[in-house]
Protein backbone atom coordinates (compact mmCIF):
# COMPACT_ATOMS: atom_id res chain seq x y z
CA MET A 1 -17.39 58.59 32.47
CA THR A 2 -14.87 55.85 31.73
CA LEU A 3 -15.08 52.84 34.05
CA ASP A 4 -12.01 50.74 34.76
CA PRO A 5 -12.77 47.26 33.34
CA ARG A 6 -10.57 45.71 36.03
CA LEU A 7 -12.99 46.99 38.68
CA THR A 8 -16.29 46.95 36.78
CA PRO A 9 -18.36 43.74 36.60
CA ALA A 10 -19.65 44.42 33.11
CA ARG A 11 -19.31 42.74 29.73
CA PRO A 12 -21.29 43.33 26.53
CA ASP A 13 -23.40 40.23 27.28
CA LEU A 14 -23.67 40.51 31.07
CA ALA A 15 -23.35 43.06 33.85
CA ALA A 16 -24.07 43.41 37.54
CA ARG A 17 -27.62 44.53 38.30
CA GLN A 18 -26.41 47.63 40.13
CA LEU A 19 -24.80 48.88 36.90
CA GLN A 20 -28.07 48.95 34.97
CA GLY A 21 -28.45 52.45 33.61
CA THR A 22 -24.69 53.04 33.83
CA VAL A 23 -23.33 50.49 31.35
CA GLU A 24 -24.79 48.78 28.28
CA ALA A 25 -25.23 45.01 28.50
CA ALA A 26 -27.53 42.37 27.03
CA ARG A 27 -28.69 41.39 30.52
CA TYR A 28 -28.17 42.31 34.15
CA VAL A 29 -27.96 39.86 37.05
CA GLU A 30 -27.78 39.89 40.82
CA GLY A 31 -24.54 38.54 42.21
CA ALA A 32 -24.31 35.61 44.60
CA PRO A 33 -21.90 35.53 47.56
CA TYR A 34 -19.17 32.89 47.73
CA ARG A 35 -15.91 32.41 49.58
CA ILE A 36 -12.58 30.98 48.47
CA ALA A 37 -12.26 27.37 49.64
CA HIS A 38 -8.80 26.60 48.24
CA ALA A 39 -5.54 27.88 49.73
CA ALA A 40 -5.51 30.38 46.87
CA ALA A 41 -7.54 30.81 43.72
CA PRO A 42 -6.19 32.28 40.48
CA LEU A 43 -8.20 35.15 39.05
CA ARG A 44 -7.68 35.28 35.29
CA ARG A 45 -8.53 37.70 32.51
CA GLU A 46 -10.33 35.01 30.51
CA PRO A 47 -11.94 31.64 31.37
CA ASP A 48 -8.87 29.74 30.23
CA PRO A 49 -6.12 28.16 32.35
CA THR A 50 -3.51 29.66 30.01
CA SER A 51 -4.91 33.19 30.39
CA PRO A 52 -2.69 35.60 32.37
CA LEU A 53 -3.06 35.63 36.13
CA VAL A 54 -4.34 39.09 37.11
CA THR A 55 -4.50 38.49 40.86
CA GLU A 56 -5.09 35.80 43.46
CA ALA A 57 -7.82 35.38 46.03
CA LEU A 58 -6.70 33.88 49.33
CA HIS A 59 -8.51 31.27 51.38
CA GLY A 60 -11.59 32.67 53.09
CA GLU A 61 -11.76 35.86 51.06
CA THR A 62 -15.16 36.54 49.57
CA ILE A 63 -16.34 37.17 46.03
CA THR A 64 -19.59 38.16 44.39
CA VAL A 65 -20.22 35.82 41.44
CA TYR A 66 -22.33 36.89 38.48
CA GLU A 67 -21.95 33.85 36.23
CA ILE A 68 -20.78 30.23 36.34
CA ASP A 69 -20.38 28.84 32.84
CA LEU A 70 -20.72 25.27 31.58
CA GLU A 71 -16.95 24.80 31.56
CA GLY A 72 -16.64 25.33 35.31
CA TRP A 73 -15.48 28.95 35.32
CA ALA A 74 -16.95 31.60 37.61
CA TRP A 75 -16.94 35.28 36.73
CA GLY A 76 -17.14 37.72 39.59
CA GLN A 77 -15.76 40.57 41.64
CA LEU A 78 -13.58 40.21 44.73
CA ASP A 79 -15.17 41.96 47.69
CA ALA A 80 -11.90 43.17 49.25
CA ASP A 81 -10.39 45.18 46.37
CA SER A 82 -13.17 45.00 43.72
CA TYR A 83 -11.03 43.20 41.13
CA VAL A 84 -13.03 41.42 38.41
CA GLY A 85 -12.10 38.21 36.64
CA TRP A 86 -12.56 34.50 36.09
CA LEU A 87 -11.62 31.75 38.55
CA PRO A 88 -12.27 28.00 38.72
CA GLU A 89 -15.68 27.12 40.11
CA ASP A 90 -14.17 24.34 42.21
CA ALA A 91 -12.22 26.95 44.21
CA LEU A 92 -15.52 28.33 45.55
CA ALA A 93 -17.75 27.37 48.46
CA PRO A 94 -21.01 28.86 49.74
CA ALA A 95 -20.41 32.00 51.76
CA GLY A 96 -21.11 30.18 55.05
CA ALA A 97 -20.05 31.55 58.41
CA GLU A 98 -18.26 34.88 58.41
CA ALA A 99 -14.51 34.76 58.99
CA THR A 100 -13.38 35.56 62.51
CA HIS A 101 -9.60 35.17 62.29
CA LYS A 102 -6.74 35.51 59.84
CA VAL A 103 -3.40 33.80 59.33
CA VAL A 104 -0.52 35.90 60.67
CA ALA A 105 2.28 33.39 60.05
CA LEU A 106 3.88 33.36 56.61
CA ARG A 107 2.26 29.94 56.07
CA THR A 108 0.39 27.52 58.28
CA PRO A 109 -0.78 23.93 57.72
CA VAL A 110 -4.35 22.80 58.25
CA PHE A 111 -4.55 19.37 59.86
CA PRO A 112 -7.48 16.94 59.86
CA GLY A 113 -7.13 16.50 63.63
CA PRO A 114 -5.31 17.97 66.65
CA SER A 115 -1.88 16.52 65.83
CA ILE A 116 1.08 17.88 63.91
CA LYS A 117 1.90 14.30 62.85
CA LEU A 118 -1.20 14.03 60.68
CA PRO A 119 -0.78 14.75 56.96
CA PRO A 120 -1.99 18.33 56.44
CA VAL A 121 -4.95 18.88 54.16
CA ASP A 122 -3.94 22.41 53.17
CA LEU A 123 -1.26 25.06 53.56
CA LEU A 124 -2.61 28.57 54.04
CA SER A 125 -0.77 31.79 53.38
CA PHE A 126 -0.45 34.97 55.41
CA GLY A 127 -3.71 36.92 55.27
CA SER A 128 -5.97 33.92 54.68
CA ARG A 129 -9.27 34.07 56.57
CA LEU A 130 -10.94 31.46 58.72
CA ALA A 131 -14.19 31.06 60.65
CA LEU A 132 -13.35 29.44 63.98
CA ILE A 133 -15.80 27.48 66.09
CA GLY A 134 -13.62 26.46 69.03
CA THR A 135 -10.27 25.24 70.29
CA ARG A 136 -8.75 21.89 71.09
CA GLU A 137 -5.41 21.67 72.83
CA ARG A 138 -3.07 24.04 70.93
CA PHE A 139 -5.30 24.14 67.89
CA ALA A 140 -8.09 26.35 66.64
CA VAL A 141 -10.95 24.42 65.03
CA THR A 142 -12.36 25.86 61.81
CA ALA A 143 -15.96 25.75 60.66
CA GLU A 144 -14.88 23.20 58.02
CA GLY A 145 -13.42 20.89 60.67
CA GLY A 146 -9.76 21.75 60.13
CA PHE A 147 -7.21 22.19 62.91
CA VAL A 148 -4.77 25.12 62.77
CA PHE A 149 -2.08 26.02 65.29
CA ALA A 150 -3.71 28.82 67.28
CA GLY A 151 -0.45 30.77 67.55
CA HIS A 152 -0.51 31.33 63.80
CA LEU A 153 -3.88 33.11 63.93
CA ALA A 154 -5.22 36.46 65.13
CA PRO A 155 -8.69 38.04 65.22
CA LEU A 156 -9.64 39.92 62.07
CA ASP A 157 -9.61 43.24 63.92
CA THR A 158 -5.98 42.79 65.02
CA PHE A 159 -3.61 44.82 62.87
CA GLU A 160 0.14 45.07 62.40
CA GLU A 161 1.78 48.44 63.04
CA ASP A 162 4.63 48.52 60.50
CA PHE A 163 3.80 47.51 56.92
CA VAL A 164 7.48 47.65 55.94
CA ALA A 165 8.28 45.00 58.55
CA VAL A 166 5.38 42.90 57.26
CA ALA A 167 6.69 43.13 53.71
CA ALA A 168 10.17 42.10 54.90
CA ARG A 169 8.77 38.78 56.14
CA PHE A 170 8.33 37.83 52.49
CA LEU A 171 12.04 38.16 51.68
CA GLY A 172 13.04 35.23 49.50
CA ALA A 173 9.49 34.51 48.33
CA ALA A 174 9.27 33.89 44.61
CA TYR A 175 8.20 36.62 42.21
CA LEU A 176 4.92 35.64 40.58
CA TRP A 177 3.03 37.94 38.24
CA GLY A 178 -0.42 38.40 39.78
CA GLY A 179 0.51 36.53 42.96
CA ARG A 180 -0.54 37.54 46.47
CA SER A 181 0.57 34.57 48.59
CA SER A 182 3.77 33.65 50.38
CA LEU A 183 4.38 31.05 47.66
CA GLY A 184 4.73 33.84 45.09
CA LEU A 185 3.70 37.45 44.66
CA ASP A 186 4.39 40.48 42.52
CA CYS A 187 5.46 43.99 43.44
CA SER A 188 2.01 45.51 43.91
CA GLY A 189 0.76 42.32 45.57
CA LEU A 190 3.50 42.65 48.19
CA VAL A 191 2.49 46.25 48.92
CA GLN A 192 -1.21 45.38 49.05
CA VAL A 193 -0.79 42.39 51.38
CA ALA A 194 1.52 44.32 53.73
CA LEU A 195 -0.76 47.36 53.94
CA ASN A 196 -3.90 45.24 54.36
CA ALA A 197 -2.23 43.55 57.33
CA CYS A 198 -2.02 47.00 58.95
CA GLY A 199 -5.68 47.74 58.25
CA VAL A 200 -4.91 50.05 55.33
CA PRO A 201 -7.06 49.44 52.23
CA CYS A 202 -4.92 49.29 49.11
CA PRO A 203 -5.80 48.81 45.43
CA ARG A 204 -4.33 45.89 43.53
CA ASP A 205 -2.26 47.26 40.64
CA THR A 206 0.61 49.74 40.60
CA ASP A 207 -1.22 52.43 38.63
CA MET A 208 -4.21 52.19 40.98
CA GLN A 209 -1.94 52.46 44.01
CA GLU A 210 0.02 55.38 42.58
CA ASN A 211 -3.21 57.32 42.15
CA ALA A 212 -4.74 56.39 45.51
CA MET A 213 -2.11 55.84 48.18
CA GLY A 214 -0.73 58.59 50.38
CA THR A 215 0.39 61.94 49.04
CA PRO A 216 2.98 62.77 46.37
CA VAL A 217 6.44 63.76 47.56
CA ALA A 218 8.88 65.83 45.52
CA PHE A 219 12.12 63.91 44.93
CA SER A 220 15.20 65.59 43.48
CA GLY A 221 17.34 62.46 43.51
CA ASP A 222 18.80 63.04 46.97
CA LEU A 223 18.28 59.78 48.89
CA GLY A 224 18.14 61.78 52.11
CA GLU A 225 14.72 63.04 51.07
CA LEU A 226 13.23 59.55 51.31
CA ARG A 227 11.73 58.05 54.45
CA ARG A 228 11.00 54.53 55.62
CA GLY A 229 7.70 53.42 54.11
CA ASP A 230 7.79 55.70 51.08
CA LEU A 231 6.41 53.97 48.00
CA LEU A 232 8.44 54.41 44.82
CA TYR A 233 6.55 54.01 41.56
CA TRP A 234 7.87 53.30 38.12
CA PRO A 235 5.60 52.45 35.18
CA GLY A 236 4.48 48.93 36.10
CA HIS A 237 6.57 48.61 39.26
CA VAL A 238 6.57 49.64 42.91
CA GLY A 239 9.14 49.33 45.67
CA ILE A 240 9.20 50.17 49.37
CA VAL A 241 11.87 52.33 50.98
CA GLU A 242 13.03 50.26 53.95
CA ASP A 243 15.55 52.83 55.11
CA GLY A 244 17.84 55.44 53.59
CA ALA A 245 19.99 52.77 52.01
CA THR A 246 17.62 49.91 51.14
CA LEU A 247 14.80 49.20 48.69
CA LEU A 248 12.45 46.30 49.47
CA HIS A 249 10.50 44.92 46.54
CA ALA A 250 9.29 41.90 44.62
CA THR A 251 11.12 42.07 41.33
CA ALA A 252 11.24 40.03 38.16
CA HIS A 253 14.90 41.05 37.82
CA PHE A 254 15.79 38.65 40.65
CA MET A 255 12.51 36.67 40.48
CA SER A 256 12.19 37.14 44.22
CA VAL A 257 11.36 39.52 47.04
CA VAL A 258 14.69 41.16 47.81
CA ARG A 259 16.49 43.91 49.66
CA GLU A 260 18.53 45.95 47.23
CA PRO A 261 20.85 48.91 47.90
CA LEU A 262 18.64 51.90 47.21
CA GLY A 263 20.99 54.04 45.10
CA PRO A 264 22.20 51.23 42.83
CA ALA A 265 18.62 49.93 42.49
CA LEU A 266 17.36 53.32 41.31
CA ALA A 267 20.25 53.53 38.84
CA ARG A 268 19.74 49.96 37.58
CA ILE A 269 16.02 50.42 36.97
CA GLU A 270 16.53 53.78 35.26
CA ALA A 271 19.26 52.29 33.07
CA SER A 272 16.74 49.71 31.88
CA GLY A 273 14.71 52.57 30.39
CA THR A 274 12.25 53.02 33.26
CA PRO A 275 12.91 56.19 35.26
CA LEU A 276 11.26 56.71 38.64
CA ARG A 277 7.88 58.35 38.11
CA SER A 278 6.64 59.24 41.59
CA VAL A 279 7.12 58.92 45.34
CA ARG A 280 4.08 58.48 47.56
CA ARG A 281 4.17 58.94 51.33
CA LEU A 282 1.53 57.36 53.58
């Protein structure tokens, strides 16, 4: 059995205790629970700030950490999508109280008191998680003592109904390889964030999504065969069919989340040497 290293907390020198007997490692350790304390934390392939960003963890998301090295890097596995990598230790906090709410605005500031005139202490992205302990005026009070406009929050068990509409809220956001926040995200990050908002679990990378999401749909090239919400997969890229004439995607071609005419977009991408590989329908 071949295990995906992106989703397997195992290295030659160290592996998660639960993998003992499945993988070879010099030692096995129990993981410790933490949560993301920063607005977003970069998860990298190696413990090096110049290492490629493989994904981001948003505020309040949780991670199981298996090692913190002497240089201030933590190696662990995100609880939401099982991605494994390195992130800065200073982005972590003890697990603490469980999150109760999530951010449903594209971005929302966190204030040190119940006033919009105070300098914000943080700016949280859509999908960030918070543990709330009360309210004061128009604000929700977080377990850390921050104040967030209550209208920008919803209980964790509240879900959107249309993931395409959720993805469209990110129009104009910058393209960022590995990104998952409204300040920058990549093609598969856009799909994952939008589907998660609707309560649909979704893997992180395009190849994982192509293998796991929905069912395959035969496509002859007739745009009339496509439906709103169909996921189009190329090697290393994914886009969302918004309607019969529009593709919605985060693309490095424009370095942004854009709407693109569907027919010309398919032709442009194929002309670059990357023909459409599959269509998945949820």
